[in-house]
Amino acid sequence: MKLKRKSWDSILSPMTLNSGNNYPYGFGWFVENNSGKTVHQHGGTWQGFTTQFFRFIEDDIEVMLLTNARSIAAYELPRKIAAIIDPSLGVRPQPSNPIDDDEPEVTEFIREKLIKISNGKLDLDDFAFIRQSVFPRIRRALISQIEGYNSPNRMELLSKEFIGDDLSMQYWVWYNDTRFRLMVSIGPSGGLTSMRILKDSPE
Protein backbone atom coordinates (compact mmCIF):
# COMPACT_ATOMS: atom_id res chain seq x y z
CA MET A 1 0.00 0.00 0.00
CA LYS A 2 1.37 3.40 -0.96
CA LEU A 3 1.15 6.09 1.69
CA LYS A 4 -0.40 9.43 0.81
CA ARG A 5 1.62 12.64 0.97
CA LYS A 6 -0.41 13.71 4.02
CA SER A 7 0.65 10.55 5.87
CA TRP A 8 4.32 11.13 5.03
CA ASP A 9 4.00 14.73 6.24
CA SER A 10 2.74 13.41 9.60
CA ILE A 11 5.51 10.80 9.80
CA LEU A 12 8.26 13.32 9.07
CA SER A 13 6.98 16.36 11.00
CA PRO A 14 7.96 17.21 14.58
CA MET A 15 5.19 16.32 17.00
CA THR A 16 3.29 18.94 19.00
CA LEU A 17 3.29 18.18 22.73
CA ASN A 18 0.38 18.89 25.07
CA SER A 19 2.26 22.02 26.19
CA GLY A 20 2.21 23.34 22.63
CA ASN A 21 5.97 22.92 22.21
CA ASN A 22 7.38 20.95 19.30
CA TYR A 23 9.57 17.88 19.78
CA PRO A 24 11.84 16.77 16.90
CA TYR A 25 10.22 13.37 16.42
CA GLY A 26 7.55 12.28 13.97
CA PHE A 27 6.00 8.81 13.67
CA GLY A 28 9.14 6.68 13.76
CA TRP A 29 11.71 9.27 12.67
CA PHE A 30 13.78 11.85 14.51
CA VAL A 31 13.81 15.03 12.43
CA GLU A 32 17.01 17.04 12.74
CA ASN A 33 18.67 20.03 11.13
CA ASN A 34 22.38 19.84 10.40
CA SER A 35 23.91 23.08 9.08
CA GLY A 36 20.64 23.97 7.37
CA LYS A 37 20.11 20.50 5.92
CA THR A 38 17.34 18.07 6.86
CA VAL A 39 18.31 14.78 8.51
CA HIS A 40 15.91 11.92 9.32
CA GLN A 41 17.30 9.26 11.65
CA HIS A 42 16.38 6.46 14.00
CA GLY A 43 18.16 3.65 15.75
CA GLY A 44 17.56 0.80 18.13
CA THR A 45 19.17 -1.80 20.39
CA TRP A 46 18.12 -5.29 21.39
CA GLN A 47 20.05 -8.00 23.22
CA GLY A 48 23.49 -6.99 22.00
CA PHE A 49 22.47 -5.75 18.53
CA THR A 50 22.42 -2.10 17.45
CA THR A 51 21.01 -0.37 14.39
CA GLN A 52 21.06 3.17 13.06
CA PHE A 53 19.57 4.63 9.88
CA PHE A 54 20.34 8.14 8.63
CA ARG A 55 18.73 9.90 5.65
CA PHE A 56 20.38 13.11 4.45
CA ILE A 57 17.50 14.49 2.44
CA GLU A 58 18.93 17.30 0.31
CA ASP A 59 22.04 15.22 -0.49
CA ASP A 60 20.04 12.09 -1.39
CA ILE A 61 22.29 9.96 0.83
CA GLU A 62 21.17 7.16 3.13
CA VAL A 63 23.39 5.24 5.56
CA MET A 64 22.21 2.14 7.40
CA LEU A 65 24.30 0.57 10.17
CA LEU A 66 23.65 -2.96 11.48
CA THR A 67 25.92 -4.33 14.22
CA ASN A 68 26.12 -7.16 16.73
CA ALA A 69 28.21 -5.16 19.20
CA ARG A 70 26.68 -2.62 21.59
CA SER A 71 30.13 -1.10 22.14
CA ILE A 72 30.01 0.57 18.71
CA ALA A 73 29.03 4.26 18.62
CA ALA A 74 26.07 3.52 16.36
CA TYR A 75 24.72 7.08 16.35
CA GLU A 76 27.98 8.71 15.24
CA LEU A 77 29.32 6.18 12.74
CA PRO A 78 26.73 6.77 9.97
CA ARG A 79 27.57 10.47 10.04
CA LYS A 80 31.26 9.66 9.70
CA ILE A 81 30.51 7.42 6.73
CA ALA A 82 28.40 10.16 5.10
CA ALA A 83 31.21 12.67 5.72
CA ILE A 84 33.47 10.61 3.45
CA ILE A 85 31.14 11.63 0.62
CA ASP A 86 30.39 15.14 1.90
CA PRO A 87 32.41 16.53 4.86
CA SER A 88 29.57 18.90 5.78
CA LEU A 89 27.47 15.88 6.83
CA GLY A 90 29.89 14.84 9.57
CA VAL A 91 29.37 14.84 13.33
CA ARG A 92 29.06 18.36 14.69
CA PRO A 93 31.67 19.14 17.36
CA GLN A 94 30.46 18.98 20.94
CA PRO A 95 30.57 22.20 23.00
CA SER A 96 33.79 22.46 24.99
CA ASN A 97 33.92 26.02 26.36
CA PRO A 98 32.15 26.74 29.68
CA ILE A 99 29.31 29.28 29.65
CA ASP A 100 27.70 31.29 32.45
CA ASP A 101 25.59 29.16 34.77
CA ASP A 102 22.57 31.32 35.61
CA GLU A 103 20.74 28.48 37.41
CA PRO A 104 23.23 27.04 39.91
CA GLU A 105 20.40 25.29 41.72
CA VAL A 106 19.84 23.09 38.65
CA THR A 107 23.54 22.22 38.57
CA GLU A 108 23.43 21.34 42.26
CA PHE A 109 20.39 19.12 41.63
CA ILE A 110 22.31 17.22 38.95
CA ARG A 111 25.39 17.03 41.17
CA GLU A 112 23.28 15.33 43.85
CA LYS A 113 22.12 12.77 41.27
CA LEU A 114 25.75 12.03 40.37
CA ILE A 115 26.55 11.43 44.03
CA LYS A 116 23.57 9.07 44.27
CA ILE A 117 24.90 7.17 41.27
CA SER A 118 28.37 6.88 42.86
CA ASN A 119 26.78 5.58 46.07
CA GLY A 120 24.53 3.13 44.21
CA LYS A 121 21.41 4.91 45.48
CA LEU A 122 19.87 6.15 42.23
CA ASP A 123 16.25 4.97 42.16
CA LEU A 124 13.30 4.91 39.81
CA ASP A 125 11.78 8.07 41.32
CA ASP A 126 14.79 10.10 40.16
CA PHE A 127 13.47 9.80 36.58
CA ALA A 128 10.44 11.54 35.11
CA PHE A 129 9.35 8.35 33.38
CA ILE A 130 11.09 5.07 32.72
CA ARG A 131 9.97 1.46 32.52
CA GLN A 132 10.59 -0.37 35.77
CA SER A 133 11.96 -3.36 33.87
CA VAL A 134 14.56 -1.19 32.09
CA PHE A 135 15.70 0.85 35.09
CA PRO A 136 18.12 -1.73 36.65
CA ARG A 137 20.12 -1.91 33.41
CA ILE A 138 20.29 1.88 33.13
CA ARG A 139 21.37 2.21 36.76
CA ARG A 140 24.12 -0.41 36.33
CA ALA A 141 25.40 1.36 33.23
CA LEU A 142 25.55 4.75 34.95
CA ILE A 143 27.24 3.30 38.05
CA SER A 144 29.88 1.56 35.92
CA GLN A 145 30.77 4.83 34.18
CA ILE A 146 31.79 6.66 37.38
CA GLU A 147 32.59 3.68 39.59
CA GLY A 148 35.25 4.57 42.15
CA TYR A 149 34.46 8.29 42.10
CA ASN A 150 32.50 10.02 44.83
CA SER A 151 31.59 13.71 44.76
CA PRO A 152 32.49 15.97 41.80
CA ASN A 153 35.04 18.66 42.59
CA ARG A 154 33.45 21.04 40.09
CA MET A 155 30.97 21.18 37.24
CA GLU A 156 31.20 23.51 34.25
CA LEU A 157 28.12 24.19 32.12
CA LEU A 158 28.80 23.85 28.39
CA SER A 159 25.35 24.21 26.84
CA LYS A 160 21.71 24.56 27.80
CA GLU A 161 18.59 24.46 25.63
CA PHE A 162 14.99 23.36 25.69
CA ILE A 163 14.13 20.39 23.48
CA GLY A 164 10.38 20.00 23.57
CA ASP A 165 9.49 20.34 27.26
CA ASP A 166 12.87 19.08 28.51
CA LEU A 167 15.79 21.20 29.65
CA SER A 168 18.85 19.64 28.00
CA MET A 169 22.37 20.42 29.25
CA GLN A 170 25.98 19.41 28.85
CA TYR A 171 28.67 19.75 31.50
CA TRP A 172 32.30 19.09 32.19
CA VAL A 173 32.29 17.15 35.45
CA TRP A 174 35.61 16.98 37.30
CA TYR A 175 36.68 14.37 39.83
CA ASN A 176 40.11 15.72 40.84
CA ASP A 177 42.12 15.55 37.57
CA THR A 178 39.65 13.27 35.74
CA ARG A 179 37.09 14.89 33.50
CA PHE A 180 33.78 13.52 32.21
CA ARG A 181 31.32 14.91 29.68
CA LEU A 182 27.79 14.76 31.10
CA MET A 183 24.73 15.00 28.86
CA VAL A 184 21.54 15.27 30.90
CA SER A 185 17.92 16.32 30.46
CA ILE A 186 15.29 17.26 33.03
CA GLY A 187 11.56 17.09 32.34
CA PRO A 188 8.93 19.63 33.43
CA SER A 189 8.09 17.47 36.47
CA GLY A 190 11.67 17.83 37.73
CA GLY A 191 12.76 14.25 37.03
CA LEU A 192 15.58 13.09 34.78
CA THR A 193 14.58 12.20 31.23
CA SER A 194 18.05 11.20 30.03
CA MET A 195 21.62 10.99 31.33
CA ARG A 196 24.83 9.96 29.61
CA ILE A 197 28.33 10.09 31.11
CA LEU A 198 31.47 9.83 28.95
CA LYS A 199 35.04 9.84 30.23
CA ASP A 200 37.12 12.55 28.63
CA SER A 201 40.69 13.83 28.74
CA PRO A 202 41.59 17.39 29.74
CA GLU A 203 43.17 19.48 27.02
C-alpha atoms as a PDB file:
ATOM      1  CA  MET A   1       0.000   0.000   0.000  1.00  0.00           C
ATOM      2  CA  LYS A   2       1.367   3.398  -0.964  1.00  0.00           C
ATOM      3  CA  LEU A   3       1.149   6.095   1.688  1.00  0.00           C
ATOM      4  CA  LYS A   4      -0.397   9.426   0.809  1.00  0.00           C
ATOM      5  CA  ARG A   5       1.622  12.640   0.974  1.00  0.00           C
ATOM      6  CA  LYS A   6      -0.413  13.710   4.018  1.00  0.00           C
ATOM      7  CA  SER A   7       0.645  10.553   5.867  1.00  0.00           C
ATOM      8  CA  TRP A   8       4.318  11.135   5.032  1.00  0.00           C
ATOM      9  CA  ASP A   9       3.997  14.729   6.243  1.00  0.00           C
ATOM     10  CA  SER A  10       2.738  13.408   9.596  1.00  0.00           C
ATOM     11  CA  ILE A  11       5.511  10.799   9.798  1.00  0.00           C
ATOM     12  CA  LEU A  12       8.261  13.319   9.075  1.00  0.00           C
ATOM     13  CA  SER A  13       6.985  16.358  10.996  1.00  0.00           C
ATOM     14  CA  PRO A  14       7.960  17.211  14.581  1.00  0.00           C
ATOM     15  CA  MET A  15       5.185  16.319  17.000  1.00  0.00           C
ATOM     16  CA  THR A  16       3.290  18.940  18.999  1.00  0.00           C
ATOM     17  CA  LEU A  17       3.286  18.180  22.729  1.00  0.00           C
ATOM     18  CA  ASN A  18       0.376  18.895  25.074  1.00  0.00           C
ATOM     19  CA  SER A  19       2.262  22.016  26.193  1.00  0.00           C
ATOM     20  CA  GLY A  20       2.210  23.339  22.633  1.00  0.00           C
ATOM     21  CA  ASN A  21       5.974  22.921  22.209  1.00  0.00           C
ATOM     22  CA  ASN A  22       7.384  20.947  19.302  1.00  0.00           C
ATOM     23  CA  TYR A  23       9.573  17.882  19.779  1.00  0.00           C
ATOM     24  CA  PRO A  24      11.836  16.774  16.900  1.00  0.00           C
ATOM     25  CA  TYR A  25      10.219  13.369  16.424  1.00  0.00           C
ATOM     26  CA  GLY A  26       7.549  12.276  13.967  1.00  0.00           C
ATOM     27  CA  PHE A  27       6.004   8.805  13.668  1.00  0.00           C
ATOM     28  CA  GLY A  28       9.140   6.682  13.761  1.00  0.00           C
ATOM     29  CA  TRP A  29      11.712   9.274  12.667  1.00  0.00           C
ATOM     30  CA  PHE A  30      13.784  11.851  14.508  1.00  0.00           C
ATOM     31  CA  VAL A  31      13.809  15.031  12.431  1.00  0.00           C
ATOM     32  CA  GLU A  32      17.011  17.045  12.744  1.00  0.00           C
ATOM     33  CA  ASN A  33      18.669  20.026  11.131  1.00  0.00           C
ATOM     34  CA  ASN A  34      22.383  19.845  10.400  1.00  0.00           C
ATOM     35  CA  SER A  35      23.905  23.077   9.076  1.00  0.00           C
ATOM     36  CA  GLY A  36      20.639  23.969   7.366  1.00  0.00           C
ATOM     37  CA  LYS A  37      20.106  20.497   5.919  1.00  0.00           C
ATOM     38  CA  THR A  38      17.339  18.066   6.864  1.00  0.00           C
ATOM     39  CA  VAL A  39      18.305  14.777   8.514  1.00  0.00           C
ATOM     40  CA  HIS A  40      15.912  11.918   9.320  1.00  0.00           C
ATOM     41  CA  GLN A  41      17.300   9.264  11.647  1.00  0.00           C
ATOM     42  CA  HIS A  42      16.383   6.464  13.998  1.00  0.00           C
ATOM     43  CA  GLY A  43      18.165   3.646  15.750  1.00  0.00           C
ATOM     44  CA  GLY A  44      17.559   0.802  18.135  1.00  0.00           C
ATOM     45  CA  THR A  45      19.167  -1.798  20.390  1.00  0.00           C
ATOM     46  CA  TRP A  46      18.124  -5.291  21.391  1.00  0.00           C
ATOM     47  CA  GLN A  47      20.053  -7.998  23.221  1.00  0.00           C
ATOM     48  CA  GLY A  48      23.487  -6.986  21.998  1.00  0.00           C
ATOM     49  CA  PHE A  49      22.469  -5.750  18.533  1.00  0.00           C
ATOM     50  CA  THR A  50      22.416  -2.095  17.451  1.00  0.00           C
ATOM     51  CA  THR A  51      21.011  -0.370  14.386  1.00  0.00           C
ATOM     52  CA  GLN A  52      21.064   3.167  13.060  1.00  0.00           C
ATOM     53  CA  PHE A  53      19.568   4.626   9.881  1.00  0.00           C
ATOM     54  CA  PHE A  54      20.337   8.136   8.630  1.00  0.00           C
ATOM     55  CA  ARG A  55      18.726   9.904   5.654  1.00  0.00           C
ATOM     56  CA  PHE A  56      20.384  13.113   4.445  1.00  0.00           C
ATOM     57  CA  ILE A  57      17.498  14.487   2.441  1.00  0.00           C
ATOM     58  CA  GLU A  58      18.932  17.301   0.312  1.00  0.00           C
ATOM     59  CA  ASP A  59      22.041  15.222  -0.490  1.00  0.00           C
ATOM     60  CA  ASP A  60      20.043  12.092  -1.392  1.00  0.00           C
ATOM     61  CA  ILE A  61      22.295   9.958   0.828  1.00  0.00           C
ATOM     62  CA  GLU A  62      21.172   7.160   3.128  1.00  0.00           C
ATOM     63  CA  VAL A  63      23.393   5.238   5.558  1.00  0.00           C
ATOM     64  CA  MET A  64      22.209   2.137   7.403  1.00  0.00           C
ATOM     65  CA  LEU A  65      24.296   0.569  10.169  1.00  0.00           C
ATOM     66  CA  LEU A  66      23.647  -2.963  11.484  1.00  0.00           C
ATOM     67  CA  THR A  67      25.921  -4.332  14.223  1.00  0.00           C
ATOM     68  CA  ASN A  68      26.120  -7.159  16.728  1.00  0.00           C
ATOM     69  CA  ALA A  69      28.213  -5.163  19.200  1.00  0.00           C
ATOM     70  CA  ARG A  70      26.682  -2.624  21.588  1.00  0.00           C
ATOM     71  CA  SER A  71      30.133  -1.100  22.139  1.00  0.00           C
ATOM     72  CA  ILE A  72      30.009   0.569  18.708  1.00  0.00           C
ATOM     73  CA  ALA A  73      29.029   4.262  18.620  1.00  0.00           C
ATOM     74  CA  ALA A  74      26.068   3.522  16.362  1.00  0.00           C
ATOM     75  CA  TYR A  75      24.724   7.079  16.350  1.00  0.00           C
ATOM     76  CA  GLU A  76      27.979   8.715  15.243  1.00  0.00           C
ATOM     77  CA  LEU A  77      29.322   6.180  12.744  1.00  0.00           C
ATOM     78  CA  PRO A  78      26.731   6.767   9.966  1.00  0.00           C
ATOM     79  CA  ARG A  79      27.568  10.472  10.038  1.00  0.00           C
ATOM     80  CA  LYS A  80      31.263   9.657   9.701  1.00  0.00           C
ATOM     81  CA  ILE A  81      30.508   7.424   6.730  1.00  0.00           C
ATOM     82  CA  ALA A  82      28.396  10.164   5.105  1.00  0.00           C
ATOM     83  CA  ALA A  83      31.211  12.668   5.721  1.00  0.00           C
ATOM     84  CA  ILE A  84      33.473  10.610   3.448  1.00  0.00           C
ATOM     85  CA  ILE A  85      31.136  11.627   0.622  1.00  0.00           C
ATOM     86  CA  ASP A  86      30.389  15.142   1.902  1.00  0.00           C
ATOM     87  CA  PRO A  87      32.413  16.529   4.857  1.00  0.00           C
ATOM     88  CA  SER A  88      29.569  18.901   5.776  1.00  0.00           C
ATOM     89  CA  LEU A  89      27.465  15.884   6.833  1.00  0.00           C
ATOM     90  CA  GLY A  90      29.886  14.840   9.572  1.00  0.00           C
ATOM     91  CA  VAL A  91      29.367  14.842  13.329  1.00  0.00           C
ATOM     92  CA  ARG A  92      29.057  18.364  14.685  1.00  0.00           C
ATOM     93  CA  PRO A  93      31.672  19.144  17.356  1.00  0.00           C
ATOM     94  CA  GLN A  94      30.463  18.976  20.942  1.00  0.00           C
ATOM     95  CA  PRO A  95      30.568  22.202  23.000  1.00  0.00           C
ATOM     96  CA  SER A  96      33.786  22.463  24.988  1.00  0.00           C
ATOM     97  CA  ASN A  97      33.919  26.017  26.360  1.00  0.00           C
ATOM     98  CA  PRO A  98      32.155  26.740  29.683  1.00  0.00           C
ATOM     99  CA  ILE A  99      29.313  29.275  29.653  1.00  0.00           C
ATOM    100  CA  ASP A 100      27.699  31.293  32.446  1.00  0.00           C
ATOM    101  CA  ASP A 101      25.592  29.161  34.770  1.00  0.00           C
ATOM    102  CA  ASP A 102      22.570  31.318  35.611  1.00  0.00           C
ATOM    103  CA  GLU A 103      20.735  28.482  37.409  1.00  0.00           C
ATOM    104  CA  PRO A 104      23.234  27.036  39.910  1.00  0.00           C
ATOM    105  CA  GLU A 105      20.398  25.294  41.725  1.00  0.00           C
ATOM    106  CA  VAL A 106      19.841  23.090  38.653  1.00  0.00           C
ATOM    107  CA  THR A 107      23.536  22.217  38.567  1.00  0.00           C
ATOM    108  CA  GLU A 108      23.428  21.335  42.255  1.00  0.00           C
ATOM    109  CA  PHE A 109      20.390  19.117  41.631  1.00  0.00           C
ATOM    110  CA  ILE A 110      22.314  17.225  38.951  1.00  0.00           C
ATOM    111  CA  ARG A 111      25.391  17.030  41.168  1.00  0.00           C
ATOM    112  CA  GLU A 112      23.276  15.333  43.852  1.00  0.00           C
ATOM    113  CA  LYS A 113      22.124  12.774  41.273  1.00  0.00           C
ATOM    114  CA  LEU A 114      25.748  12.028  40.369  1.00  0.00           C
ATOM    115  CA  ILE A 115      26.546  11.429  44.030  1.00  0.00           C
ATOM    116  CA  LYS A 116      23.568   9.068  44.273  1.00  0.00           C
ATOM    117  CA  ILE A 117      24.900   7.174  41.269  1.00  0.00           C
ATOM    118  CA  SER A 118      28.366   6.883  42.856  1.00  0.00           C
ATOM    119  CA  ASN A 119      26.780   5.580  46.066  1.00  0.00           C
ATOM    120  CA  GLY A 120      24.530   3.133  44.215  1.00  0.00           C
ATOM    121  CA  LYS A 121      21.406   4.915  45.481  1.00  0.00           C
ATOM    122  CA  LEU A 122      19.867   6.150  42.232  1.00  0.00           C
ATOM    123  CA  ASP A 123      16.247   4.974  42.158  1.00  0.00           C
ATOM    124  CA  LEU A 124      13.298   4.914  39.809  1.00  0.00           C
ATOM    125  CA  ASP A 125      11.777   8.068  41.320  1.00  0.00           C
ATOM    126  CA  ASP A 126      14.790  10.096  40.160  1.00  0.00           C
ATOM    127  CA  PHE A 127      13.466   9.797  36.584  1.00  0.00           C
ATOM    128  CA  ALA A 128      10.440  11.540  35.111  1.00  0.00           C
ATOM    129  CA  PHE A 129       9.354   8.352  33.380  1.00  0.00           C
ATOM    130  CA  ILE A 130      11.086   5.072  32.721  1.00  0.00           C
ATOM    131  CA  ARG A 131       9.974   1.458  32.520  1.00  0.00           C
ATOM    132  CA  GLN A 132      10.593  -0.374  35.767  1.00  0.00           C
ATOM    133  CA  SER A 133      11.959  -3.358  33.870  1.00  0.00           C
ATOM    134  CA  VAL A 134      14.563  -1.193  32.091  1.00  0.00           C
ATOM    135  CA  PHE A 135      15.702   0.854  35.090  1.00  0.00           C
ATOM    136  CA  PRO A 136      18.121  -1.731  36.653  1.00  0.00           C
ATOM    137  CA  ARG A 137      20.119  -1.909  33.409  1.00  0.00           C
ATOM    138  CA  ILE A 138      20.293   1.882  33.133  1.00  0.00           C
ATOM    139  CA  ARG A 139      21.374   2.211  36.761  1.00  0.00           C
ATOM    140  CA  ARG A 140      24.116  -0.410  36.333  1.00  0.00           C
ATOM    141  CA  ALA A 141      25.401   1.362  33.226  1.00  0.00           C
ATOM    142  CA  LEU A 142      25.552   4.753  34.951  1.00  0.00           C
ATOM    143  CA  ILE A 143      27.243   3.302  38.048  1.00  0.00           C
ATOM    144  CA  SER A 144      29.879   1.560  35.923  1.00  0.00           C
ATOM    145  CA  GLN A 145      30.767   4.830  34.178  1.00  0.00           C
ATOM    146  CA  ILE A 146      31.790   6.658  37.375  1.00  0.00           C
ATOM    147  CA  GLU A 147      32.590   3.681  39.594  1.00  0.00           C
ATOM    148  CA  GLY A 148      35.252   4.572  42.149  1.00  0.00           C
ATOM    149  CA  TYR A 149      34.463   8.290  42.099  1.00  0.00           C
ATOM    150  CA  ASN A 150      32.503  10.024  44.834  1.00  0.00           C
ATOM    151  CA  SER A 151      31.593  13.707  44.763  1.00  0.00           C
ATOM    152  CA  PRO A 152      32.488  15.972  41.798  1.00  0.00           C
ATOM    153  CA  ASN A 153      35.039  18.665  42.592  1.00  0.00           C
ATOM    154  CA  ARG A 154      33.455  21.038  40.088  1.00  0.00           C
ATOM    155  CA  MET A 155      30.967  21.184  37.242  1.00  0.00           C
ATOM    156  CA  GLU A 156      31.200  23.510  34.246  1.00  0.00           C
ATOM    157  CA  LEU A 157      28.120  24.192  32.125  1.00  0.00           C
ATOM    158  CA  LEU A 158      28.805  23.854  28.387  1.00  0.00           C
ATOM    159  CA  SER A 159      25.347  24.207  26.845  1.00  0.00           C
ATOM    160  CA  LYS A 160      21.710  24.557  27.800  1.00  0.00           C
ATOM    161  CA  GLU A 161      18.588  24.463  25.633  1.00  0.00           C
ATOM    162  CA  PHE A 162      14.987  23.356  25.693  1.00  0.00           C
ATOM    163  CA  ILE A 163      14.132  20.390  23.479  1.00  0.00           C
ATOM    164  CA  GLY A 164      10.382  19.995  23.573  1.00  0.00           C
ATOM    165  CA  ASP A 165       9.487  20.344  27.262  1.00  0.00           C
ATOM    166  CA  ASP A 166      12.869  19.080  28.514  1.00  0.00           C
ATOM    167  CA  LEU A 167      15.787  21.201  29.646  1.00  0.00           C
ATOM    168  CA  SER A 168      18.851  19.639  27.998  1.00  0.00           C
ATOM    169  CA  MET A 169      22.368  20.421  29.249  1.00  0.00           C
ATOM    170  CA  GLN A 170      25.979  19.413  28.848  1.00  0.00           C
ATOM    171  CA  TYR A 171      28.669  19.748  31.502  1.00  0.00           C
ATOM    172  CA  TRP A 172      32.300  19.089  32.185  1.00  0.00           C
ATOM    173  CA  VAL A 173      32.288  17.146  35.451  1.00  0.00           C
ATOM    174  CA  TRP A 174      35.607  16.984  37.303  1.00  0.00           C
ATOM    175  CA  TYR A 175      36.680  14.370  39.829  1.00  0.00           C
ATOM    176  CA  ASN A 176      40.107  15.715  40.836  1.00  0.00           C
ATOM    177  CA  ASP A 177      42.118  15.549  37.565  1.00  0.00           C
ATOM    178  CA  THR A 178      39.655  13.273  35.742  1.00  0.00           C
ATOM    179  CA  ARG A 179      37.089  14.891  33.498  1.00  0.00           C
ATOM    180  CA  PHE A 180      33.779  13.518  32.215  1.00  0.00           C
ATOM    181  CA  ARG A 181      31.318  14.905  29.680  1.00  0.00           C
ATOM    182  CA  LEU A 182      27.795  14.762  31.100  1.00  0.00           C
ATOM    183  CA  MET A 183      24.727  15.003  28.858  1.00  0.00           C
ATOM    184  CA  VAL A 184      21.537  15.267  30.896  1.00  0.00           C
ATOM    185  CA  SER A 185      17.921  16.319  30.464  1.00  0.00           C
ATOM    186  CA  ILE A 186      15.288  17.260  33.030  1.00  0.00           C
ATOM    187  CA  GLY A 187      11.561  17.092  32.340  1.00  0.00           C
ATOM    188  CA  PRO A 188       8.926  19.625  33.433  1.00  0.00           C
ATOM    189  CA  SER A 189       8.089  17.468  36.474  1.00  0.00           C
ATOM    190  CA  GLY A 190      11.667  17.832  37.725  1.00  0.00           C
ATOM    191  CA  GLY A 191      12.759  14.253  37.033  1.00  0.00           C
ATOM    192  CA  LEU A 192      15.576  13.090  34.781  1.00  0.00           C
ATOM    193  CA  THR A 193      14.576  12.201  31.228  1.00  0.00           C
ATOM    194  CA  SER A 194      18.054  11.204  30.034  1.00  0.00           C
ATOM    195  CA  MET A 195      21.618  10.992  31.327  1.00  0.00           C
ATOM    196  CA  ARG A 196      24.830   9.962  29.609  1.00  0.00           C
ATOM    197  CA  ILE A 197      28.330  10.093  31.106  1.00  0.00           C
ATOM    198  CA  LEU A 198      31.474   9.831  28.949  1.00  0.00           C
ATOM    199  CA  LYS A 199      35.037   9.844  30.233  1.00  0.00           C
ATOM    200  CA  ASP A 200      37.116  12.545  28.634  1.00  0.00           C
ATOM    201  CA  SER A 201      40.692  13.834  28.743  1.00  0.00           C
ATOM    202  CA  PRO A 202      41.593  17.393  29.745  1.00  0.00           C
ATOM    203  CA  GLU A 203      43.173  19.485  27.020  1.00  0.00           C
END
